[in-house]
Amino acid sequence: MSDLVAADELRLLIERIERLEEDKRSVMEDIKNVYSEAKSRGFDPKIMRQIIKLRAMESHERQEWEAVLDTYIAALGM
């Protein structure tokens, strides 16, 4: 009996993951459409993606990243 319960539980978990994967695909398509809209309005999607990454960072993490970037830029004489 417990094998049947475990199989049912596994099936339910798999089905939940499948639904979430479908939701994820839908959300990714929505995000792609927003970037396309932004591009058509004259914004640069590459820069927008970078800004989103920076905004997701903690302040101290972003400052550290910027300091390393500045060091690399200076080392390359840019």
PDB file of N, CA and C in Angstrom:
ATOM      1  N   MET A   1       0.828  -1.201   0.000  1.00  0.00           N
ATOM      2  CA  MET A   1       0.000   0.000   0.000  1.00  0.00           C
ATOM      3  C   MET A   1       0.864   1.253   0.000  1.00  0.00           C
ATOM      4  N   SER A   2       1.970   1.235   0.738  1.00  0.00           N
ATOM      5  CA  SER A   2       2.804   2.436   0.814  1.00  0.00           C
ATOM      6  C   SER A   2       3.484   2.742  -0.515  1.00  0.00           C
ATOM      7  N   ASP A   3       3.753   1.683  -1.332  1.00  0.00           N
ATOM      8  CA  ASP A   3       4.322   1.922  -2.651  1.00  0.00           C
ATOM      9  C   ASP A   3       3.342   2.688  -3.530  1.00  0.00           C
ATOM     10  N   LEU A   4       2.080   2.376  -3.391  1.00  0.00           N
ATOM     11  CA  LEU A   4       1.032   3.058  -4.157  1.00  0.00           C
ATOM     12  C   LEU A   4       0.944   4.521  -3.719  1.00  0.00           C
ATOM     13  N   VAL A   5       1.008   4.766  -2.412  1.00  0.00           N
ATOM     14  CA  VAL A   5       0.956   6.127  -1.886  1.00  0.00           C
ATOM     15  C   VAL A   5       2.173   6.909  -2.363  1.00  0.00           C
ATOM     16  N   ALA A   6       3.348   6.286  -2.301  1.00  0.00           N
ATOM     17  CA  ALA A   6       4.570   6.957  -2.750  1.00  0.00           C
ATOM     18  C   ALA A   6       4.499   7.269  -4.245  1.00  0.00           C
ATOM     19  N   ALA A   7       3.972   6.348  -5.030  1.00  0.00           N
ATOM     20  CA  ALA A   7       3.839   6.573  -6.476  1.00  0.00           C
ATOM     21  C   ALA A   7       2.872   7.722  -6.749  1.00  0.00           C
ATOM     22  N   ASP A   8       1.757   7.766  -6.020  1.00  0.00           N
ATOM     23  CA  ASP A   8       0.796   8.862  -6.192  1.00  0.00           C
ATOM     24  C   ASP A   8       1.420  10.196  -5.805  1.00  0.00           C
ATOM     25  N   GLU A   9       2.145  10.177  -4.695  1.00  0.00           N
ATOM     26  CA  GLU A   9       2.795  11.404  -4.240  1.00  0.00           C
ATOM     27  C   GLU A   9       3.824  11.877  -5.268  1.00  0.00           C
ATOM     28  N   LEU A  10       4.613  10.954  -5.788  1.00  0.00           N
ATOM     29  CA  LEU A  10       5.608  11.283  -6.810  1.00  0.00           C
ATOM     30  C   LEU A  10       4.937  11.847  -8.056  1.00  0.00           C
ATOM     31  N   ARG A  11       3.858  11.204  -8.495  1.00  0.00           N
ATOM     32  CA  ARG A  11       3.134  11.680  -9.678  1.00  0.00           C
ATOM     33  C   ARG A  11       2.625  13.101  -9.466  1.00  0.00           C
ATOM     34  N   LEU A  12       2.072  13.393  -8.287  1.00  0.00           N
ATOM     35  CA  LEU A  12       1.567  14.732  -7.986  1.00  0.00           C
ATOM     36  C   LEU A  12       2.699  15.764  -7.985  1.00  0.00           C
ATOM     37  N   LEU A  13       3.831  15.377  -7.437  1.00  0.00           N
ATOM     38  CA  LEU A  13       4.971  16.297  -7.433  1.00  0.00           C
ATOM     39  C   LEU A  13       5.462  16.576  -8.848  1.00  0.00           C
ATOM     40  N   ILE A  14       5.554  15.532  -9.653  1.00  0.00           N
ATOM     41  CA  ILE A  14       5.972  15.687 -11.049  1.00  0.00           C
ATOM     42  C   ILE A  14       4.998  16.585 -11.802  1.00  0.00           C
ATOM     43  N   GLU A  15       3.714  16.376 -11.604  1.00  0.00           N
ATOM     44  CA  GLU A  15       2.707  17.193 -12.284  1.00  0.00           C
ATOM     45  C   GLU A  15       2.796  18.649 -11.844  1.00  0.00           C
ATOM     46  N   ARG A  16       3.062  18.899 -10.564  1.00  0.00           N
ATOM     47  CA  ARG A  16       3.234  20.281 -10.085  1.00  0.00           C
ATOM     48  C   ARG A  16       4.424  20.930 -10.763  1.00  0.00           C
ATOM     49  N   ILE A  17       5.524  20.179 -10.862  1.00  0.00           N
ATOM     50  CA  ILE A  17       6.714  20.716 -11.521  1.00  0.00           C
ATOM     51  C   ILE A  17       6.422  21.017 -12.979  1.00  0.00           C
ATOM     52  N   GLU A  18       5.709  20.130 -13.645  1.00  0.00           N
ATOM     53  CA  GLU A  18       5.365  20.353 -15.055  1.00  0.00           C
ATOM     54  C   GLU A  18       4.526  21.618 -15.220  1.00  0.00           C
ATOM     55  N   ARG A  19       3.567  21.837 -14.324  1.00  0.00           N
ATOM     56  CA  ARG A  19       2.746  23.056 -14.405  1.00  0.00           C
ATOM     57  C   ARG A  19       3.603  24.301 -14.173  1.00  0.00           C
ATOM     58  N   LEU A  20       4.502  24.206 -13.204  1.00  0.00           N
ATOM     59  CA  LEU A  20       5.384  25.346 -12.922  1.00  0.00           C
ATOM     60  C   LEU A  20       6.329  25.629 -14.091  1.00  0.00           C
ATOM     61  N   GLU A  21       6.816  24.584 -14.728  1.00  0.00           N
ATOM     62  CA  GLU A  21       7.678  24.763 -15.913  1.00  0.00           C
ATOM     63  C   GLU A  21       6.894  25.463 -17.032  1.00  0.00           C
ATOM     64  N   GLU A  22       5.651  25.095 -17.201  1.00  0.00           N
ATOM     65  CA  GLU A  22       4.811  25.749 -18.210  1.00  0.00           C
ATOM     66  C   GLU A  22       4.598  27.219 -17.843  1.00  0.00           C
ATOM     67  N   ASP A  23       4.344  27.480 -16.564  1.00  0.00           N
ATOM     68  CA  ASP A  23       4.201  28.866 -16.106  1.00  0.00           C
ATOM     69  C   ASP A  23       5.483  29.647 -16.357  1.00  0.00           C
ATOM     70  N   LYS A  24       6.617  29.001 -16.097  1.00  0.00           N
ATOM     71  CA  LYS A  24       7.908  29.655 -16.298  1.00  0.00           C
ATOM     72  C   LYS A  24       8.105  30.018 -17.775  1.00  0.00           C
ATOM     73  N   ARG A  25       7.746  29.089 -18.667  1.00  0.00           N
ATOM     74  CA  ARG A  25       7.858  29.375 -20.102  1.00  0.00           C
ATOM     75  C   ARG A  25       6.987  30.573 -20.479  1.00  0.00           C
ATOM     76  N   SER A  26       5.800  30.620 -19.922  1.00  0.00           N
ATOM     77  CA  SER A  26       4.887  31.719 -20.200  1.00  0.00           C
ATOM     78  C   SER A  26       5.454  33.052 -19.700  1.00  0.00           C
ATOM     79  N   VAL A  27       5.993  33.044 -18.501  1.00  0.00           N
ATOM     80  CA  VAL A  27       6.583  34.262 -17.934  1.00  0.00           C
ATOM     81  C   VAL A  27       7.800  34.686 -18.758  1.00  0.00           C
ATOM     82  N   MET A  28       8.629  33.729 -19.162  1.00  0.00           N
ATOM     83  CA  MET A  28       9.805  34.060 -19.977  1.00  0.00           C
ATOM     84  C   MET A  28       9.382  34.690 -21.308  1.00  0.00           C
ATOM     85  N   GLU A  29       8.313  34.199 -21.887  1.00  0.00           N
ATOM     86  CA  GLU A  29       7.797  34.781 -23.125  1.00  0.00           C
ATOM     87  C   GLU A  29       7.307  36.209 -22.876  1.00  0.00           C
ATOM     88  N   ASP A  30       6.635  36.429 -21.757  1.00  0.00           N
ATOM     89  CA  ASP A  30       6.179  37.774 -21.396  1.00  0.00           C
ATOM     90  C   ASP A  30       7.368  38.724 -21.233  1.00  0.00           C
ATOM     91  N   ILE A  31       8.422  38.259 -20.573  1.00  0.00           N
ATOM     92  CA  ILE A  31       9.617  39.088 -20.379  1.00  0.00           C
ATOM     93  C   ILE A  31      10.242  39.422 -21.726  1.00  0.00           C
ATOM     94  N   LYS A  32      10.331  38.424 -22.598  1.00  0.00           N
ATOM     95  CA  LYS A  32      10.878  38.642 -23.943  1.00  0.00           C
ATOM     96  C   LYS A  32      10.070  39.723 -24.674  1.00  0.00           C
ATOM     97  N   ASN A  33       8.752  39.664 -24.535  1.00  0.00           N
ATOM     98  CA  ASN A  33       7.894  40.657 -25.186  1.00  0.00           C
ATOM     99  C   ASN A  33       8.127  42.062 -24.628  1.00  0.00           C
ATOM    100  N   VAL A  34       8.359  42.171 -23.323  1.00  0.00           N
ATOM    101  CA  VAL A  34       8.626  43.483 -22.725  1.00  0.00           C
ATOM    102  C   VAL A  34       9.939  44.038 -23.253  1.00  0.00           C
ATOM    103  N   TYR A  35      10.971  43.186 -23.356  1.00  0.00           N
ATOM    104  CA  TYR A  35      12.241  43.653 -23.925  1.00  0.00           C
ATOM    105  C   TYR A  35      12.063  44.098 -25.376  1.00  0.00           C
ATOM    106  N   SER A  36      11.257  43.370 -26.135  1.00  0.00           N
ATOM    107  CA  SER A  36      10.993  43.760 -27.527  1.00  0.00           C
ATOM    108  C   SER A  36      10.279  45.110 -27.582  1.00  0.00           C
ATOM    109  N   GLU A  37       9.326  45.282 -26.697  1.00  0.00           N
ATOM    110  CA  GLU A  37       8.611  46.556 -26.629  1.00  0.00           C
ATOM    111  C   GLU A  37       9.571  47.687 -26.265  1.00  0.00           C
ATOM    112  N   ALA A  38      10.438  47.432 -25.292  1.00  0.00           N
ATOM    113  CA  ALA A  38      11.408  48.452 -24.880  1.00  0.00           C
ATOM    114  C   ALA A  38      12.327  48.815 -26.048  1.00  0.00           C
ATOM    115  N   LYS A  39      12.780  47.802 -26.783  1.00  0.00           N
ATOM    116  CA  LYS A  39      13.657  48.045 -27.932  1.00  0.00           C
ATOM    117  C   LYS A  39      12.936  48.879 -28.988  1.00  0.00           C
ATOM    118  N   SER A  40      11.666  48.576 -29.232  1.00  0.00           N
ATOM    119  CA  SER A  40      10.911  49.320 -30.237  1.00  0.00           C
ATOM    120  C   SER A  40      10.693  50.772 -29.805  1.00  0.00           C
ATOM    121  N   ARG A  41      10.805  51.041 -28.513  1.00  0.00           N
ATOM    122  CA  ARG A  41      10.666  52.406 -28.002  1.00  0.00           C
ATOM    123  C   ARG A  41      12.013  53.113 -27.856  1.00  0.00           C
ATOM    124  N   GLY A  42      13.083  52.459 -28.324  1.00  0.00           N
ATOM    125  CA  GLY A  42      14.390  53.093 -28.346  1.00  0.00           C
ATOM    126  C   GLY A  42      15.300  52.770 -27.165  1.00  0.00           C
ATOM    127  N   PHE A  43      14.888  51.865 -26.290  1.00  0.00           N
ATOM    128  CA  PHE A  43      15.729  51.477 -25.156  1.00  0.00           C
ATOM    129  C   PHE A  43      16.618  50.303 -25.549  1.00  0.00           C
ATOM    130  N   ASP A  44      17.741  50.170 -24.883  1.00  0.00           N
ATOM    131  CA  ASP A  44      18.694  49.098 -25.168  1.00  0.00           C
ATOM    132  C   ASP A  44      18.450  47.930 -24.206  1.00  0.00           C
ATOM    133  N   PRO A  45      17.928  46.818 -24.709  1.00  0.00           N
ATOM    134  CA  PRO A  45      17.643  45.676 -23.840  1.00  0.00           C
ATOM    135  C   PRO A  45      18.875  45.134 -23.110  1.00  0.00           C
ATOM    136  N   LYS A  46      20.048  45.175 -23.737  1.00  0.00           N
ATOM    137  CA  LYS A  46      21.265  44.688 -23.070  1.00  0.00           C
ATOM    138  C   LYS A  46      21.553  45.505 -21.818  1.00  0.00           C
ATOM    139  N   ILE A  47      21.414  46.803 -21.932  1.00  0.00           N
ATOM    140  CA  ILE A  47      21.649  47.689 -20.790  1.00  0.00           C
ATOM    141  C   ILE A  47      20.571  47.451 -19.733  1.00  0.00           C
ATOM    142  N   MET A  48      19.346  47.274 -20.171  1.00  0.00           N
ATOM    143  CA  MET A  48      18.253  47.014 -19.227  1.00  0.00           C
ATOM    144  C   MET A  48      18.506  45.728 -18.444  1.00  0.00           C
ATOM    145  N   ARG A  49      18.992  44.686 -19.135  1.00  0.00           N
ATOM    146  CA  ARG A  49      19.293  43.424 -18.448  1.00  0.00           C
ATOM    147  C   ARG A  49      20.376  43.632 -17.393  1.00  0.00           C
ATOM    148  N   GLN A  50      21.390  44.419 -17.748  1.00  0.00           N
ATOM    149  CA  GLN A  50      22.475  44.693 -16.798  1.00  0.00           C
ATOM    150  C   GLN A  50      21.952  45.471 -15.591  1.00  0.00           C
ATOM    151  N   ILE A  51      21.090  46.444 -15.826  1.00  0.00           N
ATOM    152  CA  ILE A  51      20.509  47.212 -14.722  1.00  0.00           C
ATOM    153  C   ILE A  51      19.696  46.297 -13.802  1.00  0.00           C
ATOM    154  N   ILE A  52      18.946  45.388 -14.392  1.00  0.00           N
ATOM    155  CA  ILE A  52      18.149  44.456 -13.584  1.00  0.00           C
ATOM    156  C   ILE A  52      19.061  43.592 -12.722  1.00  0.00           C
ATOM    157  N   LYS A  53      20.192  43.123 -13.282  1.00  0.00           N
ATOM    158  CA  LYS A  53      21.155  42.343 -12.499  1.00  0.00           C
ATOM    159  C   LYS A  53      21.722  43.175 -11.354  1.00  0.00           C
ATOM    160  N   LEU A  54      22.068  44.426 -11.648  1.00  0.00           N
ATOM    161  CA  LEU A  54      22.630  45.299 -10.615  1.00  0.00           C
ATOM    162  C   LEU A  54      21.613  45.578  -9.516  1.00  0.00           C
ATOM    163  N   ARG A  55      20.375  45.805  -9.894  1.00  0.00           N
ATOM    164  CA  ARG A  55      19.336  46.092  -8.897  1.00  0.00           C
ATOM    165  C   ARG A  55      19.053  44.887  -8.003  1.00  0.00           C
ATOM    166  N   ALA A  56      19.312  43.689  -8.521  1.00  0.00           N
ATOM    167  CA  ALA A  56      19.077  42.479  -7.740  1.00  0.00           C
ATOM    168  C   ALA A  56      20.169  42.247  -6.693  1.00  0.00           C
ATOM    169  N   MET A  57      21.309  42.904  -6.883  1.00  0.00           N
ATOM    170  CA  MET A  57      22.427  42.731  -5.952  1.00  0.00           C
ATOM    171  C   MET A  57      22.204  43.550  -4.687  1.00  0.00           C
ATOM    172  N   GLU A  58      22.767  43.041  -3.604  1.00  0.00           N
ATOM    173  CA  GLU A  58      22.811  43.825  -2.375  1.00  0.00           C
ATOM    174  C   GLU A  58      23.748  45.008  -2.612  1.00  0.00           C
ATOM    175  N   SER A  59      23.515  46.090  -1.909  1.00  0.00           N
ATOM    176  CA  SER A  59      24.306  47.306  -2.094  1.00  0.00           C
ATOM    177  C   SER A  59      25.805  47.045  -1.957  1.00  0.00           C
ATOM    178  N   HIS A  60      26.206  46.343  -0.899  1.00  0.00           N
ATOM    179  CA  HIS A  60      27.631  46.084  -0.692  1.00  0.00           C
ATOM    180  C   HIS A  60      28.207  45.188  -1.785  1.00  0.00           C
ATOM    181  N   GLU A  61      27.409  44.255  -2.269  1.00  0.00           N
ATOM    182  CA  GLU A  61      27.840  43.366  -3.342  1.00  0.00           C
ATOM    183  C   GLU A  61      28.044  44.163  -4.632  1.00  0.00           C
ATOM    184  N   ARG A  62      27.116  45.072  -4.902  1.00  0.00           N
ATOM    185  CA  ARG A  62      27.213  45.907  -6.100  1.00  0.00           C
ATOM    186  C   ARG A  62      28.424  46.825  -6.020  1.00  0.00           C
ATOM    187  N   GLN A  63      28.669  47.418  -4.848  1.00  0.00           N
ATOM    188  CA  GLN A  63      29.827  48.296  -4.676  1.00  0.00           C
ATOM    189  C   GLN A  63      31.126  47.524  -4.889  1.00  0.00           C
ATOM    190  N   GLU A  64      31.182  46.303  -4.368  1.00  0.00           N
ATOM    191  CA  GLU A  64      32.371  45.469  -4.554  1.00  0.00           C
ATOM    192  C   GLU A  64      32.573  45.158  -6.029  1.00  0.00           C
ATOM    193  N   TRP A  65      31.491  44.799  -6.715  1.00  0.00           N
ATOM    194  CA  TRP A  65      31.557  44.500  -8.147  1.00  0.00           C
ATOM    195  C   TRP A  65      32.045  45.716  -8.931  1.00  0.00           C
ATOM    196  N   GLU A  66      31.502  46.895  -8.609  1.00  0.00           N
ATOM    197  CA  GLU A  66      31.899  48.123  -9.298  1.00  0.00           C
ATOM    198  C   GLU A  66      33.367  48.453  -9.040  1.00  0.00           C
ATOM    199  N   ALA A  67      33.843  48.209  -7.823  1.00  0.00           N
ATOM    200  CA  ALA A  67      35.244  48.473  -7.497  1.00  0.00           C
ATOM    201  C   ALA A  67      36.165  47.562  -8.310  1.00  0.00           C
ATOM    202  N   VAL A  68      35.796  46.292  -8.424  1.00  0.00           N
ATOM    203  CA  VAL A  68      36.601  45.361  -9.224  1.00  0.00           C
ATOM    204  C   VAL A  68      36.565  45.767 -10.693  1.00  0.00           C
ATOM    205  N   LEU A  69      35.398  46.129 -11.178  1.00  0.00           N
ATOM    206  CA  LEU A  69      35.267  46.585 -12.561  1.00  0.00           C
ATOM    207  C   LEU A  69      36.154  47.799 -12.814  1.00  0.00           C
ATOM    208  N   ASP A  70      36.119  48.786 -11.905  1.00  0.00           N
ATOM    209  CA  ASP A  70      36.970  49.978 -12.044  1.00  0.00           C
ATOM    210  C   ASP A  70      38.443  49.602 -12.060  1.00  0.00           C
ATOM    211  N   THR A  71      38.841  48.651 -11.219  1.00  0.00           N
ATOM    212  CA  THR A  71      40.228  48.202 -11.172  1.00  0.00           C
ATOM    213  C   THR A  71      40.637  47.580 -12.516  1.00  0.00           C
ATOM    214  N   TYR A  72      39.777  46.749 -13.060  1.00  0.00           N
ATOM    215  CA  TYR A  72      40.068  46.118 -14.346  1.00  0.00           C
ATOM    216  C   TYR A  72      40.145  47.158 -15.460  1.00  0.00           C
ATOM    217  N   ILE A  73      39.233  48.097 -15.464  1.00  0.00           N
ATOM    218  CA  ILE A  73      39.224  49.153 -16.482  1.00  0.00           C
ATOM    219  C   ILE A  73      40.513  49.964 -16.411  1.00  0.00           C
ATOM    220  N   ALA A  74      40.921  50.329 -15.176  1.00  0.00           N
ATOM    221  CA  ALA A  74      42.160  51.093 -15.002  1.00  0.00           C
ATOM    222  C   ALA A  74      43.363  50.284 -15.447  1.00  0.00           C
ATOM    223  N   ALA A  75      43.384  48.991 -15.137  1.00  0.00           N
ATOM    224  CA  ALA A  75      44.501  48.130 -15.527  1.00  0.00           C
ATOM    225  C   ALA A  75      44.639  48.021 -17.039  1.00  0.00           C
ATOM    226  N   LEU A  76      43.503  48.118 -17.741  1.00  0.00           N
ATOM    227  CA  LEU A  76      43.514  48.038 -19.204  1.00  0.00           C
ATOM    228  C   LEU A  76      43.704  49.408 -19.859  1.00  0.00           C
ATOM    229  N   GLY A  77      43.781  50.450 -19.032  1.00  0.00           N
ATOM    230  CA  GLY A  77      43.976  51.794 -19.574  1.00  0.00           C
ATOM    231  C   GLY A  77      42.795  52.310 -20.370  1.00  0.00           C
ATOM    232  N   MET A  78      41.624  51.893 -19.974  1.00  0.00           N
ATOM    233  CA  MET A  78      40.421  52.303 -20.715  1.00  0.00           C
ATOM    234  C   MET A  78      39.858  53.593 -20.166  1.00  0.00           C
TER     235      MET A  78
END
